[in-house]
Amino acid sequence: MDSLEYHLKNSLGHLMGRTSRAIMSLLQKRFVEVGHDITVEQWLLLVNLRNRNGQFQQQLADSTYKDKTTVARIVDGLERKGLVERIQDTIDRRQKRIRLTPDAKKLLAKLKPLALEVQVQVLDDITVKELESCSRVLLKIYENANMI
């Protein structure tokens, strides 16, 4: 059992998941330290909307690699905070587009430097070449995982 545990701790999937959670935890800690009442999950949706505002919920789910139910829950929370609004689509009245509010745009401007600080911190002592290589390998792994 010890050897199985050792292999699990060092398996690629485990390392990627653990690394991702550590980065998100560090970013969440920074948000809290400076007094922002927002989760990393909410921030990720806001960033995605900043890049392409007015998405349908399903589009937002697809572009953030989350299921529609999770996105609905996150959007509900953002709406309660006044950071997004659901606007009825002009073509398909059954659909609602999710749009950033002016408050969300202001918040994103405040959070951007924090996210950049965390990025600099976690990439400390990693060369550009190492980062490029890592990115290429991770993209290949992602493609291979989605070929099935």
N, C-alpha and C. Protein backbone atom coordinates (compact mmCIF):
# COMPACT_ATOMS: atom_id res chain seq x y z
N MET A 1 0.81 -1.20 0.00
CA MET A 1 0.00 0.00 0.00
C MET A 1 0.86 1.26 0.00
N ASP A 2 2.03 1.22 0.67
CA ASP A 2 2.90 2.38 0.70
C ASP A 2 3.34 2.78 -0.71
N SER A 3 3.69 1.79 -1.54
CA SER A 3 4.16 2.13 -2.89
C SER A 3 3.01 2.71 -3.72
N LEU A 4 1.78 2.22 -3.53
CA LEU A 4 0.63 2.75 -4.24
C LEU A 4 0.40 4.20 -3.83
N GLU A 5 0.46 4.48 -2.54
CA GLU A 5 0.28 5.84 -2.04
C GLU A 5 1.36 6.76 -2.61
N TYR A 6 2.60 6.26 -2.63
CA TYR A 6 3.72 7.05 -3.16
C TYR A 6 3.46 7.40 -4.62
N HIS A 7 3.02 6.44 -5.40
CA HIS A 7 2.76 6.69 -6.81
C HIS A 7 1.59 7.65 -7.00
N LEU A 8 0.57 7.53 -6.18
CA LEU A 8 -0.56 8.45 -6.30
C LEU A 8 -0.13 9.88 -6.00
N LYS A 9 0.68 10.07 -4.98
CA LYS A 9 1.13 11.41 -4.61
C LYS A 9 1.95 12.05 -5.73
N ASN A 10 2.62 11.23 -6.51
CA ASN A 10 3.49 11.75 -7.55
C ASN A 10 2.93 11.55 -8.95
N SER A 11 1.68 11.12 -9.04
CA SER A 11 1.10 10.95 -10.37
C SER A 11 0.82 12.31 -10.98
N LEU A 12 0.85 12.36 -12.28
CA LEU A 12 0.67 13.62 -12.99
C LEU A 12 -0.67 14.28 -12.66
N GLY A 13 -1.74 13.51 -12.68
CA GLY A 13 -3.06 14.07 -12.38
C GLY A 13 -3.11 14.66 -10.98
N HIS A 14 -2.56 13.94 -10.04
CA HIS A 14 -2.55 14.42 -8.66
C HIS A 14 -1.72 15.70 -8.53
N LEU A 15 -0.56 15.72 -9.16
CA LEU A 15 0.30 16.91 -9.11
C LEU A 15 -0.37 18.12 -9.75
N MET A 16 -1.04 17.92 -10.88
CA MET A 16 -1.72 19.03 -11.55
C MET A 16 -2.87 19.55 -10.69
N GLY A 17 -3.65 18.63 -10.14
CA GLY A 17 -4.77 19.04 -9.29
C GLY A 17 -4.30 19.76 -8.04
N ARG A 18 -3.28 19.22 -7.42
CA ARG A 18 -2.73 19.82 -6.19
C ARG A 18 -2.15 21.20 -6.48
N THR A 19 -1.47 21.33 -7.60
CA THR A 19 -0.88 22.62 -7.98
C THR A 19 -1.98 23.64 -8.28
N SER A 20 -2.98 23.23 -9.01
CA SER A 20 -4.09 24.13 -9.32
C SER A 20 -4.78 24.62 -8.05
N ARG A 21 -5.05 23.69 -7.13
CA ARG A 21 -5.71 24.08 -5.87
C ARG A 21 -4.82 25.01 -5.05
N ALA A 22 -3.52 24.79 -5.06
CA ALA A 22 -2.61 25.65 -4.30
C ALA A 22 -2.59 27.07 -4.87
N ILE A 23 -2.58 27.19 -6.18
CA ILE A 23 -2.58 28.52 -6.80
C ILE A 23 -3.90 29.23 -6.51
N MET A 24 -5.01 28.52 -6.66
CA MET A 24 -6.32 29.13 -6.40
C MET A 24 -6.46 29.51 -4.93
N SER A 25 -5.93 28.71 -4.05
CA SER A 25 -5.98 29.01 -2.62
C SER A 25 -5.16 30.26 -2.30
N LEU A 26 -4.00 30.38 -2.92
CA LEU A 26 -3.15 31.55 -2.72
C LEU A 26 -3.85 32.81 -3.23
N LEU A 27 -4.47 32.72 -4.38
CA LEU A 27 -5.20 33.86 -4.93
C LEU A 27 -6.38 34.24 -4.05
N GLN A 28 -7.11 33.24 -3.57
CA GLN A 28 -8.24 33.50 -2.67
C GLN A 28 -7.77 34.21 -1.40
N LYS A 29 -6.65 33.75 -0.88
CA LYS A 29 -6.08 34.36 0.32
C LYS A 29 -5.75 35.83 0.08
N ARG A 30 -5.19 36.14 -1.09
CA ARG A 30 -4.87 37.54 -1.43
C ARG A 30 -6.14 38.39 -1.53
N PHE A 31 -7.19 37.83 -2.15
CA PHE A 31 -8.45 38.57 -2.26
C PHE A 31 -8.98 38.92 -0.87
N VAL A 32 -8.94 37.95 0.03
CA VAL A 32 -9.45 38.15 1.39
C VAL A 32 -8.58 39.15 2.15
N GLU A 33 -7.26 39.02 2.01
CA GLU A 33 -6.33 39.92 2.71
C GLU A 33 -6.59 41.39 2.41
N VAL A 34 -6.98 41.68 1.18
CA VAL A 34 -7.21 43.08 0.81
C VAL A 34 -8.69 43.47 0.91
N GLY A 35 -9.50 42.55 1.43
CA GLY A 35 -10.89 42.89 1.74
C GLY A 35 -11.89 42.75 0.61
N HIS A 36 -11.60 41.94 -0.39
CA HIS A 36 -12.55 41.74 -1.48
C HIS A 36 -13.41 40.50 -1.21
N ASP A 37 -14.70 40.69 -1.22
CA ASP A 37 -15.65 39.60 -0.97
C ASP A 37 -16.00 38.91 -2.28
N ILE A 38 -15.04 38.16 -2.79
CA ILE A 38 -15.26 37.44 -4.05
C ILE A 38 -14.44 36.16 -4.00
N THR A 39 -15.01 35.10 -4.55
CA THR A 39 -14.28 33.84 -4.61
C THR A 39 -13.50 33.78 -5.92
N VAL A 40 -12.52 32.90 -5.97
CA VAL A 40 -11.74 32.72 -7.19
C VAL A 40 -12.66 32.22 -8.30
N GLU A 41 -13.60 31.35 -7.97
CA GLU A 41 -14.56 30.86 -8.98
C GLU A 41 -15.35 32.02 -9.58
N GLN A 42 -15.81 32.94 -8.74
CA GLN A 42 -16.54 34.10 -9.24
C GLN A 42 -15.63 34.98 -10.09
N TRP A 43 -14.42 35.19 -9.62
CA TRP A 43 -13.46 35.99 -10.36
C TRP A 43 -13.19 35.40 -11.74
N LEU A 44 -13.05 34.08 -11.82
CA LEU A 44 -12.78 33.43 -13.12
C LEU A 44 -13.92 33.69 -14.11
N LEU A 45 -15.17 33.65 -13.63
CA LEU A 45 -16.29 33.94 -14.51
C LEU A 45 -16.28 35.41 -14.94
N LEU A 46 -15.98 36.30 -14.01
CA LEU A 46 -15.91 37.73 -14.35
C LEU A 46 -14.83 37.99 -15.40
N VAL A 47 -13.68 37.36 -15.24
CA VAL A 47 -12.59 37.53 -16.22
C VAL A 47 -13.04 37.02 -17.58
N ASN A 48 -13.71 35.88 -17.59
CA ASN A 48 -14.20 35.31 -18.84
C ASN A 48 -15.21 36.26 -19.49
N LEU A 49 -16.08 36.84 -18.69
CA LEU A 49 -17.06 37.80 -19.23
C LEU A 49 -16.38 39.09 -19.70
N ARG A 50 -15.33 39.49 -19.01
CA ARG A 50 -14.60 40.68 -19.45
C ARG A 50 -14.04 40.45 -20.85
N ASN A 51 -13.59 39.23 -21.10
CA ASN A 51 -13.02 38.90 -22.41
C ASN A 51 -14.10 38.75 -23.48
N ARG A 52 -15.30 38.34 -23.07
CA ARG A 52 -16.41 38.17 -24.02
C ARG A 52 -17.72 38.39 -23.26
N ASN A 53 -18.09 39.63 -23.13
CA ASN A 53 -19.26 40.00 -22.35
C ASN A 53 -20.54 39.61 -23.09
N GLY A 54 -21.58 39.30 -22.34
CA GLY A 54 -22.88 39.00 -22.93
C GLY A 54 -23.06 37.57 -23.38
N GLN A 55 -22.35 36.65 -22.76
CA GLN A 55 -22.49 35.24 -23.12
C GLN A 55 -23.78 34.66 -22.54
N PHE A 56 -24.28 33.62 -23.21
CA PHE A 56 -25.35 32.81 -22.62
C PHE A 56 -24.73 31.94 -21.54
N GLN A 57 -25.55 31.46 -20.63
CA GLN A 57 -25.04 30.64 -19.53
C GLN A 57 -24.31 29.40 -20.05
N GLN A 58 -24.84 28.76 -21.07
CA GLN A 58 -24.18 27.56 -21.61
C GLN A 58 -22.83 27.91 -22.23
N GLN A 59 -22.75 29.04 -22.91
CA GLN A 59 -21.47 29.48 -23.48
C GLN A 59 -20.45 29.73 -22.37
N LEU A 60 -20.91 30.34 -21.30
CA LEU A 60 -20.04 30.62 -20.15
C LEU A 60 -19.57 29.31 -19.52
N ALA A 61 -20.46 28.35 -19.41
CA ALA A 61 -20.09 27.03 -18.88
C ALA A 61 -19.04 26.38 -19.77
N ASP A 62 -19.26 26.42 -21.07
CA ASP A 62 -18.31 25.80 -22.01
C ASP A 62 -16.95 26.48 -21.96
N SER A 63 -16.95 27.80 -21.91
CA SER A 63 -15.67 28.53 -21.97
C SER A 63 -14.91 28.51 -20.65
N THR A 64 -15.58 28.13 -19.56
CA THR A 64 -14.88 28.03 -18.27
C THR A 64 -14.71 26.57 -17.84
N TYR A 65 -15.14 25.63 -18.68
CA TYR A 65 -15.02 24.20 -18.42
C TYR A 65 -15.74 23.80 -17.12
N LYS A 66 -16.92 24.40 -16.93
CA LYS A 66 -17.74 24.08 -15.76
C LYS A 66 -19.09 23.61 -16.25
N ASP A 67 -19.82 22.88 -15.42
CA ASP A 67 -21.15 22.46 -15.83
C ASP A 67 -22.13 23.63 -15.65
N LYS A 68 -23.24 23.53 -16.35
CA LYS A 68 -24.22 24.62 -16.39
C LYS A 68 -24.79 24.93 -15.01
N THR A 69 -24.98 23.91 -14.19
CA THR A 69 -25.52 24.11 -12.84
C THR A 69 -24.55 24.89 -11.97
N THR A 70 -23.27 24.57 -12.06
CA THR A 70 -22.25 25.29 -11.29
C THR A 70 -22.21 26.75 -11.72
N VAL A 71 -22.25 26.98 -13.03
CA VAL A 71 -22.23 28.35 -13.55
C VAL A 71 -23.46 29.11 -13.07
N ALA A 72 -24.62 28.46 -13.07
CA ALA A 72 -25.85 29.13 -12.62
C ALA A 72 -25.71 29.56 -11.16
N ARG A 73 -25.14 28.71 -10.33
CA ARG A 73 -24.95 29.03 -8.92
C ARG A 73 -23.99 30.20 -8.75
N ILE A 74 -22.90 30.19 -9.50
CA ILE A 74 -21.91 31.27 -9.42
C ILE A 74 -22.52 32.58 -9.92
N VAL A 75 -23.24 32.52 -11.03
CA VAL A 75 -23.87 33.72 -11.59
C VAL A 75 -24.91 34.27 -10.62
N ASP A 76 -25.66 33.39 -9.95
CA ASP A 76 -26.63 33.85 -8.94
C ASP A 76 -25.93 34.68 -7.87
N GLY A 77 -24.80 34.19 -7.39
CA GLY A 77 -24.04 34.91 -6.37
C GLY A 77 -23.51 36.23 -6.88
N LEU A 78 -23.03 36.25 -8.11
CA LEU A 78 -22.52 37.48 -8.70
C LEU A 78 -23.65 38.49 -8.92
N GLU A 79 -24.80 37.98 -9.26
CA GLU A 79 -25.96 38.86 -9.47
C GLU A 79 -26.40 39.49 -8.14
N ARG A 80 -26.39 38.69 -7.07
CA ARG A 80 -26.74 39.23 -5.75
C ARG A 80 -25.76 40.32 -5.31
N LYS A 81 -24.51 40.19 -5.73
CA LYS A 81 -23.50 41.19 -5.38
C LYS A 81 -23.52 42.40 -6.33
N GLY A 82 -24.39 42.35 -7.32
CA GLY A 82 -24.49 43.46 -8.27
C GLY A 82 -23.36 43.51 -9.27
N LEU A 83 -22.72 42.37 -9.53
CA LEU A 83 -21.58 42.34 -10.44
C LEU A 83 -21.93 41.87 -11.85
N VAL A 84 -23.04 41.16 -11.98
CA VAL A 84 -23.53 40.76 -13.30
C VAL A 84 -25.03 40.98 -13.35
N GLU A 85 -25.53 41.04 -14.56
CA GLU A 85 -26.98 41.10 -14.75
C GLU A 85 -27.35 40.17 -15.89
N ARG A 86 -28.54 39.62 -15.78
CA ARG A 86 -29.06 38.76 -16.84
C ARG A 86 -29.98 39.62 -17.70
N ILE A 87 -29.66 39.69 -18.99
CA ILE A 87 -30.40 40.50 -19.94
C ILE A 87 -31.08 39.58 -20.95
N GLN A 88 -32.36 39.79 -21.17
CA GLN A 88 -33.09 38.96 -22.12
C GLN A 88 -32.52 39.16 -23.52
N ASP A 89 -32.27 38.05 -24.21
CA ASP A 89 -31.74 38.10 -25.56
C ASP A 89 -32.79 38.68 -26.50
N THR A 90 -32.36 39.50 -27.43
CA THR A 90 -33.31 40.14 -28.35
C THR A 90 -33.84 39.18 -29.41
N ILE A 91 -33.09 38.15 -29.72
CA ILE A 91 -33.51 37.19 -30.75
C ILE A 91 -34.31 36.04 -30.14
N ASP A 92 -33.79 35.45 -29.09
CA ASP A 92 -34.46 34.32 -28.42
C ASP A 92 -34.84 34.77 -27.00
N ARG A 93 -36.08 35.14 -26.83
CA ARG A 93 -36.54 35.70 -25.56
C ARG A 93 -36.46 34.70 -24.40
N ARG A 94 -36.29 33.41 -24.71
CA ARG A 94 -36.15 32.40 -23.65
C ARG A 94 -34.75 32.42 -23.04
N GLN A 95 -33.81 32.99 -23.78
CA GLN A 95 -32.40 33.01 -23.35
C GLN A 95 -32.06 34.34 -22.68
N LYS A 96 -31.12 34.27 -21.77
CA LYS A 96 -30.62 35.49 -21.13
C LYS A 96 -29.12 35.56 -21.31
N ARG A 97 -28.67 36.74 -21.62
CA ARG A 97 -27.24 36.98 -21.73
C ARG A 97 -26.74 37.49 -20.39
N ILE A 98 -25.53 37.10 -20.04
CA ILE A 98 -24.95 37.50 -18.76
C ILE A 98 -23.94 38.61 -19.07
N ARG A 99 -24.16 39.75 -18.44
CA ARG A 99 -23.33 40.92 -18.71
C ARG A 99 -22.73 41.46 -17.42
N LEU A 100 -21.53 41.99 -17.54
CA LEU A 100 -20.87 42.64 -16.41
C LEU A 100 -21.54 43.98 -16.12
N THR A 101 -21.58 44.34 -14.85
CA THR A 101 -22.05 45.66 -14.46
C THR A 101 -20.83 46.58 -14.36
N PRO A 102 -21.05 47.89 -14.29
CA PRO A 102 -19.93 48.80 -14.08
C PRO A 102 -19.14 48.48 -12.81
N ASP A 103 -19.83 48.03 -11.75
CA ASP A 103 -19.14 47.66 -10.51
C ASP A 103 -18.19 46.49 -10.74
N ALA A 104 -18.59 45.55 -11.58
CA ALA A 104 -17.73 44.40 -11.88
C ALA A 104 -16.47 44.85 -12.60
N LYS A 105 -16.62 45.77 -13.52
CA LYS A 105 -15.46 46.26 -14.27
C LYS A 105 -14.48 46.97 -13.33
N LYS A 106 -15.00 47.73 -12.38
CA LYS A 106 -14.14 48.39 -11.39
C LYS A 106 -13.43 47.36 -10.51
N LEU A 107 -14.18 46.33 -10.09
CA LEU A 107 -13.60 45.29 -9.25
C LEU A 107 -12.50 44.54 -10.00
N LEU A 108 -12.74 44.21 -11.26
CA LEU A 108 -11.73 43.50 -12.05
C LEU A 108 -10.45 44.32 -12.15
N ALA A 109 -10.59 45.62 -12.28
CA ALA A 109 -9.39 46.48 -12.35
C ALA A 109 -8.61 46.42 -11.04
N LYS A 110 -9.30 46.29 -9.91
CA LYS A 110 -8.64 46.20 -8.61
C LYS A 110 -8.00 44.83 -8.39
N LEU A 111 -8.64 43.78 -8.92
CA LEU A 111 -8.16 42.42 -8.70
C LEU A 111 -7.01 42.03 -9.63
N LYS A 112 -6.93 42.67 -10.77
CA LYS A 112 -5.90 42.30 -11.75
C LYS A 112 -4.49 42.34 -11.16
N PRO A 113 -4.11 43.42 -10.45
CA PRO A 113 -2.75 43.44 -9.89
C PRO A 113 -2.50 42.31 -8.88
N LEU A 114 -3.54 41.92 -8.14
CA LEU A 114 -3.38 40.82 -7.18
C LEU A 114 -3.12 39.51 -7.92
N ALA A 115 -3.87 39.28 -8.99
CA ALA A 115 -3.69 38.06 -9.78
C ALA A 115 -2.30 38.03 -10.40
N LEU A 116 -1.84 39.18 -10.86
CA LEU A 116 -0.49 39.24 -11.45
C LEU A 116 0.58 39.00 -10.39
N GLU A 117 0.38 39.52 -9.18
CA GLU A 117 1.32 39.26 -8.08
C GLU A 117 1.42 37.77 -7.79
N VAL A 118 0.28 37.10 -7.74
CA VAL A 118 0.26 35.66 -7.46
C VAL A 118 0.97 34.92 -8.60
N GLN A 119 0.72 35.33 -9.83
CA GLN A 119 1.36 34.68 -10.97
C GLN A 119 2.88 34.83 -10.88
N VAL A 120 3.35 36.02 -10.56
CA VAL A 120 4.79 36.24 -10.41
C VAL A 120 5.34 35.36 -9.29
N GLN A 121 4.61 35.28 -8.19
CA GLN A 121 5.06 34.49 -7.04
C GLN A 121 5.19 33.01 -7.39
N VAL A 122 4.17 32.46 -8.05
CA VAL A 122 4.20 31.02 -8.32
C VAL A 122 5.16 30.66 -9.45
N LEU A 123 5.53 31.63 -10.27
CA LEU A 123 6.46 31.37 -11.37
C LEU A 123 7.90 31.74 -11.02
N ASP A 124 8.12 32.10 -9.76
CA ASP A 124 9.45 32.47 -9.31
C ASP A 124 10.43 31.33 -9.58
N ASP A 125 11.58 31.67 -10.11
CA ASP A 125 12.66 30.72 -10.38
C ASP A 125 12.31 29.72 -11.48
N ILE A 126 11.34 30.06 -12.32
CA ILE A 126 11.00 29.21 -13.48
C ILE A 126 11.34 30.02 -14.72
N THR A 127 12.14 29.43 -15.60
CA THR A 127 12.55 30.15 -16.80
C THR A 127 11.41 30.19 -17.82
N VAL A 128 11.53 31.12 -18.75
CA VAL A 128 10.55 31.22 -19.83
C VAL A 128 10.53 29.91 -20.62
N LYS A 129 11.70 29.36 -20.86
CA LYS A 129 11.80 28.10 -21.61
C LYS A 129 11.09 26.96 -20.86
N GLU A 130 11.29 26.88 -19.56
CA GLU A 130 10.62 25.84 -18.76
C GLU A 130 9.10 26.02 -18.80
N LEU A 131 8.66 27.26 -18.69
CA LEU A 131 7.22 27.54 -18.71
C LEU A 131 6.61 27.20 -20.07
N GLU A 132 7.29 27.57 -21.14
CA GLU A 132 6.81 27.24 -22.48
C GLU A 132 6.74 25.74 -22.69
N SER A 133 7.75 25.03 -22.22
CA SER A 133 7.78 23.58 -22.34
C SER A 133 6.64 22.95 -21.54
N CYS A 134 6.46 23.42 -20.32
CA CYS A 134 5.38 22.91 -19.47
C CYS A 134 4.02 23.14 -20.13
N SER A 135 3.82 24.32 -20.67
CA SER A 135 2.54 24.65 -21.33
C SER A 135 2.29 23.74 -22.52
N ARG A 136 3.33 23.52 -23.33
CA ARG A 136 3.18 22.63 -24.49
C ARG A 136 2.80 21.22 -24.06
N VAL A 137 3.46 20.71 -23.05
CA VAL A 137 3.18 19.35 -22.57
C VAL A 137 1.76 19.27 -22.01
N LEU A 138 1.37 20.24 -21.21
CA LEU A 138 0.01 20.23 -20.64
C LEU A 138 -1.05 20.31 -21.73
N LEU A 139 -0.82 21.11 -22.76
CA LEU A 139 -1.77 21.19 -23.88
C LEU A 139 -1.87 19.86 -24.61
N LYS A 140 -0.75 19.18 -24.80
CA LYS A 140 -0.77 17.86 -25.44
C LYS A 140 -1.55 16.85 -24.59
N ILE A 141 -1.31 16.89 -23.29
CA ILE A 141 -2.03 15.99 -22.38
C ILE A 141 -3.53 16.27 -22.45
N TYR A 142 -3.88 17.55 -22.45
CA TYR A 142 -5.30 17.94 -22.53
C TYR A 142 -5.92 17.43 -23.84
N GLU A 143 -5.22 17.64 -24.93
CA GLU A 143 -5.71 17.16 -26.23
C GLU A 143 -5.87 15.65 -26.23
N ASN A 144 -4.89 14.93 -25.70
CA ASN A 144 -4.97 13.47 -25.63
C ASN A 144 -6.15 13.02 -24.77
N ALA A 145 -6.38 13.71 -23.68
CA ALA A 145 -7.48 13.34 -22.80
C ALA A 145 -8.84 13.58 -23.46
N ASN A 146 -8.90 14.53 -24.37
CA ASN A 146 -10.17 14.85 -25.01
C ASN A 146 -10.37 14.15 -26.35
N MET A 147 -9.45 13.30 -26.74
CA MET A 147 -9.56 12.55 -28.00
C MET A 147 -10.47 11.35 -27.84
N ILE A 148 -10.74 10.98 -26.61
CA ILE A 148 -11.51 9.77 -26.35
C ILE A 148 -12.98 10.01 -26.59
